[in-house]
Amino acid sequence: MSFPVVRPRRLRRSEAIRSLSRETRLSTQGLLYPMFVCPGRGVRNPIGSMPGVAQQSVDKFLEECREVEQLGIPGIVLFGIPVKKDARGSEAWAADGVVQRAIEAIRSAKLNLLVMTDVCLCEYTDHGHCGVVENGEVKNDPTLELLAAESLSHARAGGGYCRAFGHDGRAGRRDSQGARRRRV
């Protein structure tokens, strides 16, 4: 006999039971809006591969944050485009960096948005890798120190959550951030 032998329909009989037992509900409450902040004033450069999304200066970014809040989207994921790049990605943790200024602008405007930041160095390094490169290899341990510094700078600026994308051992930054917040 082929599978399935029995096909119960008890959870499909009415809209009320289907609604109650539904596993996935899509609404604005489950979304985070990606935003890219860059240096300058009055800047809005559309990102071709992401229709409707742009790299924006803090002033334009703040205008769009107000729209995001009005749409009922609870938060944003914030990515930074630095003024300059170097081998260590030092603008990632600069107190006056674009991400830090964007977070401070949201907090000053008293917007009710969750701010999740991208903790990654690849956009900030002149070589494009997410970390310290020695002899052609990304070195995890020294990289973790830099990522912790970036995470702490986002927390100091008022960021709610730091989001690490794809690097071994990044959970160590969460411990660093928690320890720093307890000392502040």
C-alpha atoms as a PDB file:
ATOM      1  CA  MET A   1       0.000   0.000   0.000  1.00  0.00           C
ATOM      2  CA  SER A   2       1.261   3.483  -0.731  1.00  0.00           C
ATOM      3  CA  PHE A   3       1.770   6.270   1.795  1.00  0.00           C
ATOM      4  CA  PRO A   4      -0.320   7.799   3.380  1.00  0.00           C
ATOM      5  CA  VAL A   5      -2.787   5.199   4.511  1.00  0.00           C
ATOM      6  CA  VAL A   6      -4.847   7.705   6.507  1.00  0.00           C
ATOM      7  CA  ARG A   7      -5.252  11.389   5.667  1.00  0.00           C
ATOM      8  CA  PRO A   8      -6.889  13.131   8.633  1.00  0.00           C
ATOM      9  CA  ARG A   9      -8.769  16.312   7.763  1.00  0.00           C
ATOM     10  CA  ARG A  10      -9.815  17.378  11.276  1.00  0.00           C
ATOM     11  CA  LEU A  11      -7.499  20.427  11.231  1.00  0.00           C
ATOM     12  CA  ARG A  12      -8.889  21.578   7.877  1.00  0.00           C
ATOM     13  CA  ARG A  13     -12.672  21.448   8.467  1.00  0.00           C
ATOM     14  CA  SER A  14     -13.288  25.132   9.172  1.00  0.00           C
ATOM     15  CA  GLU A  15     -11.544  28.497   8.885  1.00  0.00           C
ATOM     16  CA  ALA A  16     -11.542  28.793  12.683  1.00  0.00           C
ATOM     17  CA  ILE A  17      -9.600  25.547  13.197  1.00  0.00           C
ATOM     18  CA  ARG A  18      -7.324  26.241  10.208  1.00  0.00           C
ATOM     19  CA  SER A  19      -6.524  29.657  11.651  1.00  0.00           C
ATOM     20  CA  LEU A  20      -5.880  28.216  15.107  1.00  0.00           C
ATOM     21  CA  SER A  21      -3.542  25.477  13.864  1.00  0.00           C
ATOM     22  CA  ARG A  22      -1.760  27.452  11.133  1.00  0.00           C
ATOM     23  CA  GLU A  23       2.010  27.257  11.549  1.00  0.00           C
ATOM     24  CA  THR A  24       3.074  30.329   9.627  1.00  0.00           C
ATOM     25  CA  ARG A  25       1.539  33.778   9.744  1.00  0.00           C
ATOM     26  CA  LEU A  26       3.076  36.479   7.624  1.00  0.00           C
ATOM     27  CA  SER A  27       2.603  40.062   8.770  1.00  0.00           C
ATOM     28  CA  THR A  28       4.635  43.237   9.110  1.00  0.00           C
ATOM     29  CA  GLN A  29       5.215  42.278  12.757  1.00  0.00           C
ATOM     30  CA  GLY A  30       7.524  39.490  11.595  1.00  0.00           C
ATOM     31  CA  LEU A  31       9.662  41.634   9.311  1.00  0.00           C
ATOM     32  CA  LEU A  32      12.902  43.578   9.634  1.00  0.00           C
ATOM     33  CA  TYR A  33      13.666  46.155   6.962  1.00  0.00           C
ATOM     34  CA  PRO A  34      17.225  46.209   5.533  1.00  0.00           C
ATOM     35  CA  MET A  35      18.796  49.666   5.463  1.00  0.00           C
ATOM     36  CA  PHE A  36      22.188  50.819   4.229  1.00  0.00           C
ATOM     37  CA  VAL A  37      23.639  54.031   5.622  1.00  0.00           C
ATOM     38  CA  CYS A  38      26.465  55.930   3.930  1.00  0.00           C
ATOM     39  CA  PRO A  39      28.396  59.184   4.449  1.00  0.00           C
ATOM     40  CA  GLY A  40      27.171  62.550   3.262  1.00  0.00           C
ATOM     41  CA  ARG A  41      23.960  64.593   3.254  1.00  0.00           C
ATOM     42  CA  GLY A  42      21.007  64.264   0.931  1.00  0.00           C
ATOM     43  CA  VAL A  43      22.379  60.990  -0.503  1.00  0.00           C
ATOM     44  CA  ARG A  44      20.075  58.270  -1.805  1.00  0.00           C
ATOM     45  CA  ASN A  45      21.757  55.766  -4.145  1.00  0.00           C
ATOM     46  CA  PRO A  46      19.417  52.922  -5.197  1.00  0.00           C
ATOM     47  CA  ILE A  47      20.790  49.388  -4.921  1.00  0.00           C
ATOM     48  CA  GLY A  48      20.055  47.722  -8.270  1.00  0.00           C
ATOM     49  CA  SER A  49      19.850  44.188  -6.919  1.00  0.00           C
ATOM     50  CA  MET A  50      17.409  45.218  -4.150  1.00  0.00           C
ATOM     51  CA  PRO A  51      14.492  47.146  -5.694  1.00  0.00           C
ATOM     52  CA  GLY A  52      13.217  49.857  -3.347  1.00  0.00           C
ATOM     53  CA  VAL A  53      16.338  49.742  -1.167  1.00  0.00           C
ATOM     54  CA  ALA A  54      19.098  52.370  -1.284  1.00  0.00           C
ATOM     55  CA  GLN A  55      22.336  53.462   0.329  1.00  0.00           C
ATOM     56  CA  GLN A  56      21.352  56.628   2.188  1.00  0.00           C
ATOM     57  CA  SER A  57      22.944  59.367   4.223  1.00  0.00           C
ATOM     58  CA  VAL A  58      21.735  59.632   7.821  1.00  0.00           C
ATOM     59  CA  ASP A  59      19.226  62.418   7.040  1.00  0.00           C
ATOM     60  CA  LYS A  60      17.526  60.424   4.246  1.00  0.00           C
ATOM     61  CA  PHE A  61      17.824  57.240   6.293  1.00  0.00           C
ATOM     62  CA  LEU A  62      15.902  58.866   9.151  1.00  0.00           C
ATOM     63  CA  GLU A  63      13.089  59.916   6.789  1.00  0.00           C
ATOM     64  CA  GLU A  64      12.743  56.311   5.631  1.00  0.00           C
ATOM     65  CA  CYS A  65      12.875  55.024   9.221  1.00  0.00           C
ATOM     66  CA  ARG A  66       9.774  57.119   9.946  1.00  0.00           C
ATOM     67  CA  GLU A  67       8.024  55.462   6.986  1.00  0.00           C
ATOM     68  CA  VAL A  68       9.090  52.000   8.182  1.00  0.00           C
ATOM     69  CA  GLU A  69       7.660  52.727  11.617  1.00  0.00           C
ATOM     70  CA  GLN A  70       4.386  54.003  10.109  1.00  0.00           C
ATOM     71  CA  LEU A  71       4.065  50.799   8.062  1.00  0.00           C
ATOM     72  CA  GLY A  72       4.107  48.803  11.291  1.00  0.00           C
ATOM     73  CA  ILE A  73       7.440  47.113  10.589  1.00  0.00           C
ATOM     74  CA  PRO A  74       8.990  46.682  14.043  1.00  0.00           C
ATOM     75  CA  GLY A  75      12.649  47.057  13.169  1.00  0.00           C
ATOM     76  CA  ILE A  76      15.520  47.463  10.782  1.00  0.00           C
ATOM     77  CA  VAL A  77      18.751  45.660  10.001  1.00  0.00           C
ATOM     78  CA  LEU A  78      21.385  48.341   9.589  1.00  0.00           C
ATOM     79  CA  PHE A  79      24.415  47.999   7.307  1.00  0.00           C
ATOM     80  CA  GLY A  80      27.149  50.620   7.047  1.00  0.00           C
ATOM     81  CA  ILE A  81      29.080  51.989   4.087  1.00  0.00           C
ATOM     82  CA  PRO A  82      32.241  53.664   5.461  1.00  0.00           C
ATOM     83  CA  VAL A  83      33.930  56.903   4.472  1.00  0.00           C
ATOM     84  CA  LYS A  84      37.273  55.128   4.095  1.00  0.00           C
ATOM     85  CA  LYS A  85      38.533  51.569   4.263  1.00  0.00           C
ATOM     86  CA  ASP A  86      41.703  50.145   5.791  1.00  0.00           C
ATOM     87  CA  ALA A  87      43.215  46.724   6.478  1.00  0.00           C
ATOM     88  CA  ARG A  88      41.555  46.390   9.911  1.00  0.00           C
ATOM     89  CA  GLY A  89      38.206  48.005   9.074  1.00  0.00           C
ATOM     90  CA  SER A  90      38.672  50.613  11.799  1.00  0.00           C
ATOM     91  CA  GLU A  91      35.643  52.701  10.789  1.00  0.00           C
ATOM     92  CA  ALA A  92      33.438  49.801  11.895  1.00  0.00           C
ATOM     93  CA  TRP A  93      33.949  50.720  15.558  1.00  0.00           C
ATOM     94  CA  ALA A  94      34.538  54.482  15.212  1.00  0.00           C
ATOM     95  CA  ALA A  95      32.313  56.454  17.600  1.00  0.00           C
ATOM     96  CA  ASP A  96      31.440  58.808  14.733  1.00  0.00           C
ATOM     97  CA  GLY A  97      30.978  56.052  12.132  1.00  0.00           C
ATOM     98  CA  VAL A  98      27.949  55.999   9.850  1.00  0.00           C
ATOM     99  CA  VAL A  99      26.201  53.169  11.689  1.00  0.00           C
ATOM    100  CA  GLN A 100      26.798  54.756  15.072  1.00  0.00           C
ATOM    101  CA  ARG A 101      25.457  58.128  13.839  1.00  0.00           C
ATOM    102  CA  ALA A 102      22.419  56.419  12.290  1.00  0.00           C
ATOM    103  CA  ILE A 103      21.617  54.625  15.558  1.00  0.00           C
ATOM    104  CA  GLU A 104      21.960  57.864  17.498  1.00  0.00           C
ATOM    105  CA  ALA A 105      19.643  59.613  14.999  1.00  0.00           C
ATOM    106  CA  ILE A 106      16.954  56.965  15.511  1.00  0.00           C
ATOM    107  CA  ARG A 107      17.243  57.266  19.278  1.00  0.00           C
ATOM    108  CA  SER A 108      17.180  61.093  19.154  1.00  0.00           C
ATOM    109  CA  ALA A 109      14.069  60.989  16.960  1.00  0.00           C
ATOM    110  CA  LYS A 110      12.424  58.696  19.538  1.00  0.00           C
ATOM    111  CA  LEU A 111      11.375  56.208  16.886  1.00  0.00           C
ATOM    112  CA  ASN A 112       9.947  52.972  18.181  1.00  0.00           C
ATOM    113  CA  LEU A 113      12.093  50.691  16.044  1.00  0.00           C
ATOM    114  CA  LEU A 114      14.206  47.699  16.953  1.00  0.00           C
ATOM    115  CA  VAL A 115      17.683  48.409  15.589  1.00  0.00           C
ATOM    116  CA  MET A 116      19.665  45.327  14.608  1.00  0.00           C
ATOM    117  CA  THR A 117      23.161  46.061  13.331  1.00  0.00           C
ATOM    118  CA  ASP A 118      25.357  44.070  11.004  1.00  0.00           C
ATOM    119  CA  VAL A 119      28.589  43.242  12.805  1.00  0.00           C
ATOM    120  CA  CYS A 120      30.954  42.464   9.978  1.00  0.00           C
ATOM    121  CA  LEU A 121      34.187  43.971   8.699  1.00  0.00           C
ATOM    122  CA  CYS A 122      34.121  43.081   4.996  1.00  0.00           C
ATOM    123  CA  GLU A 123      32.536  46.395   3.930  1.00  0.00           C
ATOM    124  CA  TYR A 124      35.053  48.291   6.068  1.00  0.00           C
ATOM    125  CA  THR A 125      38.288  46.571   4.988  1.00  0.00           C
ATOM    126  CA  ASP A 126      40.314  47.539   1.944  1.00  0.00           C
ATOM    127  CA  HIS A 127      40.789  43.843   1.096  1.00  0.00           C
ATOM    128  CA  GLY A 128      37.070  42.951   1.406  1.00  0.00           C
ATOM    129  CA  HIS A 129      37.509  40.095   3.860  1.00  0.00           C
ATOM    130  CA  CYS A 130      35.691  40.051   7.181  1.00  0.00           C
ATOM    131  CA  GLY A 131      38.697  40.201   9.424  1.00  0.00           C
ATOM    132  CA  VAL A 132      42.401  40.395   9.964  1.00  0.00           C
ATOM    133  CA  VAL A 133      44.296  38.912   7.033  1.00  0.00           C
ATOM    134  CA  GLU A 134      47.800  37.514   7.543  1.00  0.00           C
ATOM    135  CA  ASN A 135      49.650  35.715   4.772  1.00  0.00           C
ATOM    136  CA  GLY A 136      46.454  35.447   2.744  1.00  0.00           C
ATOM    137  CA  GLU A 137      44.367  33.925   5.561  1.00  0.00           C
ATOM    138  CA  VAL A 138      41.669  35.441   7.733  1.00  0.00           C
ATOM    139  CA  LYS A 139      42.799  35.021  11.342  1.00  0.00           C
ATOM    140  CA  ASN A 140      39.834  34.313  13.610  1.00  0.00           C
ATOM    141  CA  ASP A 141      41.235  35.233  17.041  1.00  0.00           C
ATOM    142  CA  PRO A 142      42.486  38.743  16.207  1.00  0.00           C
ATOM    143  CA  THR A 143      39.339  39.261  14.125  1.00  0.00           C
ATOM    144  CA  LEU A 144      37.120  38.479  17.117  1.00  0.00           C
ATOM    145  CA  GLU A 145      38.700  41.340  19.054  1.00  0.00           C
ATOM    146  CA  LEU A 146      37.845  43.764  16.257  1.00  0.00           C
ATOM    147  CA  LEU A 147      34.317  42.401  15.923  1.00  0.00           C
ATOM    148  CA  ALA A 148      33.860  42.795  19.686  1.00  0.00           C
ATOM    149  CA  ALA A 149      34.974  46.426  19.388  1.00  0.00           C
ATOM    150  CA  GLU A 150      32.459  46.969  16.580  1.00  0.00           C
ATOM    151  CA  SER A 151      29.681  45.329  18.566  1.00  0.00           C
ATOM    152  CA  LEU A 152      30.464  47.436  21.641  1.00  0.00           C
ATOM    153  CA  SER A 153      30.452  50.642  19.595  1.00  0.00           C
ATOM    154  CA  HIS A 154      26.998  49.767  18.263  1.00  0.00           C
ATOM    155  CA  ALA A 155      25.776  49.088  21.803  1.00  0.00           C
ATOM    156  CA  ARG A 156      27.222  52.382  23.070  1.00  0.00           C
ATOM    157  CA  ALA A 157      25.407  54.228  20.283  1.00  0.00           C
ATOM    158  CA  GLY A 158      22.122  52.615  21.353  1.00  0.00           C
ATOM    159  CA  GLY A 159      21.814  49.635  19.018  1.00  0.00           C
ATOM    160  CA  GLY A 160      19.466  46.985  20.337  1.00  0.00           C
ATOM    161  CA  TYR A 161      20.879  43.830  18.766  1.00  0.00           C
ATOM    162  CA  CYS A 162      24.032  43.005  16.895  1.00  0.00           C
ATOM    163  CA  ARG A 163      23.780  40.505  14.085  1.00  0.00           C
ATOM    164  CA  ALA A 164      26.855  38.539  13.111  1.00  0.00           C
ATOM    165  CA  PHE A 165      26.960  37.093   9.628  1.00  0.00           C
ATOM    166  CA  GLY A 166      28.977  33.944   9.002  1.00  0.00           C
ATOM    167  CA  HIS A 167      32.281  34.024  10.902  1.00  0.00           C
ATOM    168  CA  ASP A 168      33.552  31.257  13.184  1.00  0.00           C
ATOM    169  CA  GLY A 169      33.472  32.027  16.888  1.00  0.00           C
ATOM    170  CA  ARG A 170      31.432  35.212  16.649  1.00  0.00           C
ATOM    171  CA  ALA A 171      29.354  34.263  19.676  1.00  0.00           C
ATOM    172  CA  GLY A 172      32.274  35.582  21.741  1.00  0.00           C
ATOM    173  CA  ARG A 173      31.182  39.087  20.785  1.00  0.00           C
ATOM    174  CA  ARG A 174      27.876  38.631  22.539  1.00  0.00           C
ATOM    175  CA  ASP A 175      29.735  37.915  25.767  1.00  0.00           C
ATOM    176  CA  SER A 176      31.877  40.999  25.226  1.00  0.00           C
ATOM    177  CA  GLN A 177      28.850  43.154  24.563  1.00  0.00           C
ATOM    178  CA  GLY A 178      27.021  41.884  27.650  1.00  0.00           C
ATOM    179  CA  ALA A 179      30.072  42.452  29.842  1.00  0.00           C
ATOM    180  CA  ARG A 180      30.487  45.980  28.479  1.00  0.00           C
ATOM    181  CA  ARG A 181      26.838  46.838  29.058  1.00  0.00           C
ATOM    182  CA  ARG A 182      27.138  45.690  32.671  1.00  0.00           C
ATOM    183  CA  ARG A 183      30.151  47.996  33.163  1.00  0.00           C
ATOM    184  CA  VAL A 184      28.591  51.056  31.486  1.00  0.00           C
END
